[in-house]
N, C-alpha and C. Protein backbone atom coordinates (compact mmCIF):
# COMPACT_ATOMS: atom_id res chain seq x y z
N UNK A 1 -15.15 29.51 -6.57
CA UNK A 1 -15.37 28.18 -7.12
C UNK A 1 -15.93 28.27 -8.54
N UNK A 2 -16.88 29.19 -8.73
CA UNK A 2 -17.48 29.34 -10.06
C UNK A 2 -16.43 29.75 -11.08
N UNK A 3 -15.51 30.62 -10.66
CA UNK A 3 -14.45 31.05 -11.58
C UNK A 3 -13.56 29.87 -11.94
N UNK A 4 -13.28 29.03 -10.98
CA UNK A 4 -12.45 27.86 -11.25
C UNK A 4 -13.15 26.92 -12.21
N UNK A 5 -14.45 26.80 -12.08
CA UNK A 5 -15.20 25.92 -12.98
C UNK A 5 -15.18 26.49 -14.40
N UNK A 6 -15.27 27.82 -14.52
CA UNK A 6 -15.31 28.43 -15.84
C UNK A 6 -13.97 28.34 -16.56
N UNK A 7 -12.87 28.34 -15.83
CA UNK A 7 -11.58 28.32 -16.51
C UNK A 7 -11.08 26.91 -16.78
N UNK A 8 -11.93 25.93 -16.61
CA UNK A 8 -11.56 24.57 -16.98
C UNK A 8 -11.15 23.69 -15.83
N UNK A 9 -11.06 24.24 -14.64
CA UNK A 9 -10.65 23.42 -13.49
C UNK A 9 -11.71 22.38 -13.15
N UNK A 10 -12.94 22.62 -13.55
CA UNK A 10 -14.01 21.68 -13.21
C UNK A 10 -14.06 20.46 -14.10
N UNK A 11 -13.28 20.44 -15.17
CA UNK A 11 -13.33 19.31 -16.09
C UNK A 11 -13.06 17.99 -15.40
N UNK A 12 -12.10 17.97 -14.52
CA UNK A 12 -11.73 16.71 -13.87
C UNK A 12 -12.87 16.19 -13.01
N UNK A 13 -13.59 17.09 -12.36
CA UNK A 13 -14.68 16.65 -11.51
C UNK A 13 -15.90 16.28 -12.35
N UNK A 14 -16.22 17.10 -13.32
CA UNK A 14 -17.44 16.91 -14.09
C UNK A 14 -17.38 15.70 -15.01
N UNK A 15 -16.22 15.34 -15.46
CA UNK A 15 -16.09 14.26 -16.44
C UNK A 15 -15.53 12.99 -15.82
N UNK A 16 -15.68 12.84 -14.51
CA UNK A 16 -15.24 11.62 -13.83
C UNK A 16 -13.78 11.30 -14.12
N UNK A 17 -12.93 12.31 -14.09
CA UNK A 17 -11.50 12.13 -14.28
C UNK A 17 -11.16 11.52 -15.65
N UNK A 18 -11.94 11.79 -16.65
CA UNK A 18 -11.69 11.28 -17.99
C UNK A 18 -10.59 12.12 -18.64
N UNK A 19 -9.41 11.53 -18.84
CA UNK A 19 -8.29 12.31 -19.40
C UNK A 19 -8.58 12.90 -20.77
N UNK A 20 -9.53 12.33 -21.51
CA UNK A 20 -9.82 12.84 -22.85
C UNK A 20 -10.47 14.22 -22.80
N UNK A 21 -11.08 14.57 -21.68
CA UNK A 21 -11.75 15.85 -21.57
C UNK A 21 -10.93 16.87 -20.80
N UNK A 22 -9.66 16.62 -20.64
CA UNK A 22 -8.78 17.53 -19.91
C UNK A 22 -7.90 18.30 -20.87
N UNK A 23 -7.42 19.43 -20.38
CA UNK A 23 -6.40 20.16 -21.13
C UNK A 23 -5.10 19.36 -21.06
N UNK A 24 -4.15 19.64 -21.96
CA UNK A 24 -2.86 18.92 -21.87
C UNK A 24 -2.20 19.06 -20.50
N UNK A 25 -2.29 20.24 -19.90
CA UNK A 25 -1.69 20.43 -18.58
C UNK A 25 -2.40 19.57 -17.54
N UNK A 26 -3.73 19.51 -17.61
CA UNK A 26 -4.49 18.68 -16.68
C UNK A 26 -4.18 17.20 -16.89
N UNK A 27 -4.02 16.81 -18.16
CA UNK A 27 -3.67 15.42 -18.44
C UNK A 27 -2.32 15.07 -17.81
N UNK A 28 -1.35 15.99 -17.95
CA UNK A 28 -0.03 15.76 -17.38
C UNK A 28 -0.12 15.65 -15.86
N UNK A 29 -0.89 16.55 -15.24
CA UNK A 29 -1.06 16.49 -13.79
C UNK A 29 -1.74 15.20 -13.37
N UNK A 30 -2.73 14.80 -14.15
CA UNK A 30 -3.46 13.56 -13.87
C UNK A 30 -2.52 12.36 -13.93
N UNK A 31 -1.70 12.31 -14.98
CA UNK A 31 -0.76 11.19 -15.14
C UNK A 31 0.29 11.19 -14.04
N UNK A 32 0.77 12.37 -13.67
CA UNK A 32 1.74 12.46 -12.58
C UNK A 32 1.13 12.00 -11.27
N UNK A 33 -0.14 12.39 -11.04
CA UNK A 33 -0.81 11.97 -9.80
C UNK A 33 -1.02 10.46 -9.79
N UNK A 34 -1.39 9.90 -10.95
CA UNK A 34 -1.54 8.45 -11.04
C UNK A 34 -0.23 7.74 -10.73
N UNK A 35 0.86 8.25 -11.28
CA UNK A 35 2.17 7.64 -11.04
C UNK A 35 2.53 7.72 -9.56
N UNK A 36 2.25 8.87 -8.96
CA UNK A 36 2.52 9.03 -7.52
C UNK A 36 1.68 8.06 -6.71
N UNK A 37 0.40 7.98 -7.03
CA UNK A 37 -0.50 7.07 -6.32
C UNK A 37 -0.04 5.62 -6.47
N UNK A 38 0.36 5.24 -7.68
CA UNK A 38 0.83 3.88 -7.90
C UNK A 38 2.10 3.59 -7.10
N UNK A 39 3.01 4.55 -7.08
CA UNK A 39 4.25 4.37 -6.32
C UNK A 39 3.96 4.23 -4.83
N UNK A 40 3.06 5.06 -4.32
CA UNK A 40 2.70 4.97 -2.90
C UNK A 40 2.01 3.65 -2.59
N UNK A 41 1.12 3.23 -3.47
CA UNK A 41 0.43 1.95 -3.27
C UNK A 41 1.42 0.81 -3.24
N UNK A 42 2.37 0.82 -4.16
CA UNK A 42 3.38 -0.23 -4.19
C UNK A 42 4.23 -0.21 -2.92
N UNK A 43 4.58 0.98 -2.45
CA UNK A 43 5.39 1.09 -1.24
C UNK A 43 4.64 0.55 -0.03
N UNK A 44 3.35 0.86 0.05
CA UNK A 44 2.53 0.34 1.16
C UNK A 44 2.46 -1.18 1.09
N UNK A 45 2.30 -1.73 -0.11
CA UNK A 45 2.26 -3.19 -0.27
C UNK A 45 3.58 -3.82 0.19
N UNK A 46 4.69 -3.22 -0.21
CA UNK A 46 6.01 -3.75 0.16
C UNK A 46 6.20 -3.69 1.67
N UNK A 47 5.85 -2.56 2.26
CA UNK A 47 6.00 -2.42 3.71
C UNK A 47 5.08 -3.38 4.45
N UNK A 48 3.86 -3.53 3.96
CA UNK A 48 2.92 -4.46 4.58
C UNK A 48 3.44 -5.88 4.51
N UNK A 49 4.00 -6.27 3.38
CA UNK A 49 4.55 -7.62 3.24
C UNK A 49 5.73 -7.82 4.17
N UNK A 50 6.56 -6.79 4.31
CA UNK A 50 7.72 -6.89 5.21
C UNK A 50 7.27 -7.06 6.66
N UNK A 51 6.25 -6.30 7.05
CA UNK A 51 5.72 -6.43 8.42
C UNK A 51 5.15 -7.82 8.63
N UNK A 52 4.38 -8.30 7.67
CA UNK A 52 3.80 -9.64 7.75
C UNK A 52 4.89 -10.69 7.88
N UNK A 53 5.91 -10.60 7.03
CA UNK A 53 7.01 -11.57 7.07
C UNK A 53 7.71 -11.56 8.42
N UNK A 54 7.92 -10.38 8.97
CA UNK A 54 8.57 -10.26 10.27
C UNK A 54 7.71 -10.89 11.36
N UNK A 55 6.41 -10.66 11.30
CA UNK A 55 5.51 -11.25 12.29
C UNK A 55 5.50 -12.77 12.19
N UNK A 56 5.51 -13.29 10.98
CA UNK A 56 5.55 -14.75 10.79
C UNK A 56 6.87 -15.30 11.33
N UNK A 57 7.97 -14.61 11.06
CA UNK A 57 9.27 -15.06 11.57
C UNK A 57 9.28 -15.06 13.09
N UNK A 58 8.73 -14.02 13.70
CA UNK A 58 8.66 -13.95 15.16
C UNK A 58 7.80 -15.08 15.72
N UNK A 59 6.67 -15.33 15.09
CA UNK A 59 5.79 -16.40 15.53
C UNK A 59 6.48 -17.76 15.41
N UNK A 60 7.15 -17.97 14.29
CA UNK A 60 7.87 -19.24 14.10
C UNK A 60 8.95 -19.41 15.16
N UNK A 61 9.64 -18.33 15.49
CA UNK A 61 10.68 -18.40 16.52
C UNK A 61 10.07 -18.73 17.88
N UNK A 62 8.94 -18.13 18.17
CA UNK A 62 8.27 -18.41 19.45
C UNK A 62 7.83 -19.87 19.52
N UNK A 63 7.23 -20.35 18.45
CA UNK A 63 6.77 -21.75 18.43
C UNK A 63 7.96 -22.70 18.47
N UNK A 64 9.03 -22.35 17.76
CA UNK A 64 10.22 -23.19 17.78
C UNK A 64 10.82 -23.27 19.17
N UNK A 65 10.88 -22.15 19.85
CA UNK A 65 11.40 -22.11 21.21
C UNK A 65 10.51 -22.90 22.16
N UNK A 66 9.20 -22.76 22.01
CA UNK A 66 8.27 -23.50 22.86
C UNK A 66 8.39 -25.00 22.61
N UNK A 67 8.52 -25.38 21.35
CA UNK A 67 8.66 -26.80 21.02
C UNK A 67 9.96 -27.35 21.59
N UNK A 68 11.03 -26.60 21.47
CA UNK A 68 12.33 -27.03 22.01
C UNK A 68 12.24 -27.22 23.52
N UNK A 69 11.61 -26.27 24.20
CA UNK A 69 11.44 -26.38 25.65
C UNK A 69 10.61 -27.61 26.01
N UNK A 70 9.56 -27.86 25.25
CA UNK A 70 8.70 -29.01 25.52
C UNK A 70 9.46 -30.32 25.33
N UNK A 71 10.29 -30.38 24.30
CA UNK A 71 11.09 -31.59 24.06
C UNK A 71 12.06 -31.81 25.21
N UNK A 72 12.68 -30.74 25.69
CA UNK A 72 13.61 -30.87 26.82
C UNK A 72 12.88 -31.36 28.07
N UNK A 73 11.68 -30.86 28.32
CA UNK A 73 10.90 -31.31 29.48
C UNK A 73 10.57 -32.79 29.34
N UNK A 74 10.17 -33.19 28.15
CA UNK A 74 9.80 -34.60 27.93
C UNK A 74 11.02 -35.50 28.10
N UNK A 75 12.18 -35.04 27.64
CA UNK A 75 13.40 -35.84 27.77
C UNK A 75 13.82 -35.98 29.23
N UNK A 76 13.59 -34.94 30.01
CA UNK A 76 13.95 -34.99 31.42
C UNK A 76 13.02 -35.94 32.19
N UNK A 77 11.81 -36.11 31.71
CA UNK A 77 10.85 -36.97 32.39
C UNK A 77 11.15 -38.44 32.13
N UNK A 78 11.88 -38.75 31.11
CA UNK A 78 12.15 -40.16 30.77
C UNK A 78 13.50 -40.59 31.19
């Protein structure tokens, strides 16, 4: 670990991920990791929204079916 800190690997930890204190290679890795993280975050948001939309559609279908059944029962009573 000490050797890693001496050769510059510790910059990212010691400087709170400040890209200005990184080597060009570390900056590139940092930017690539940010892009990957952003892409993953966006994918999770999209998937979460799709799941939510599907659940709302299922709920609406259930309520619609229940309402239709209730209307039929009421019509049969009259």
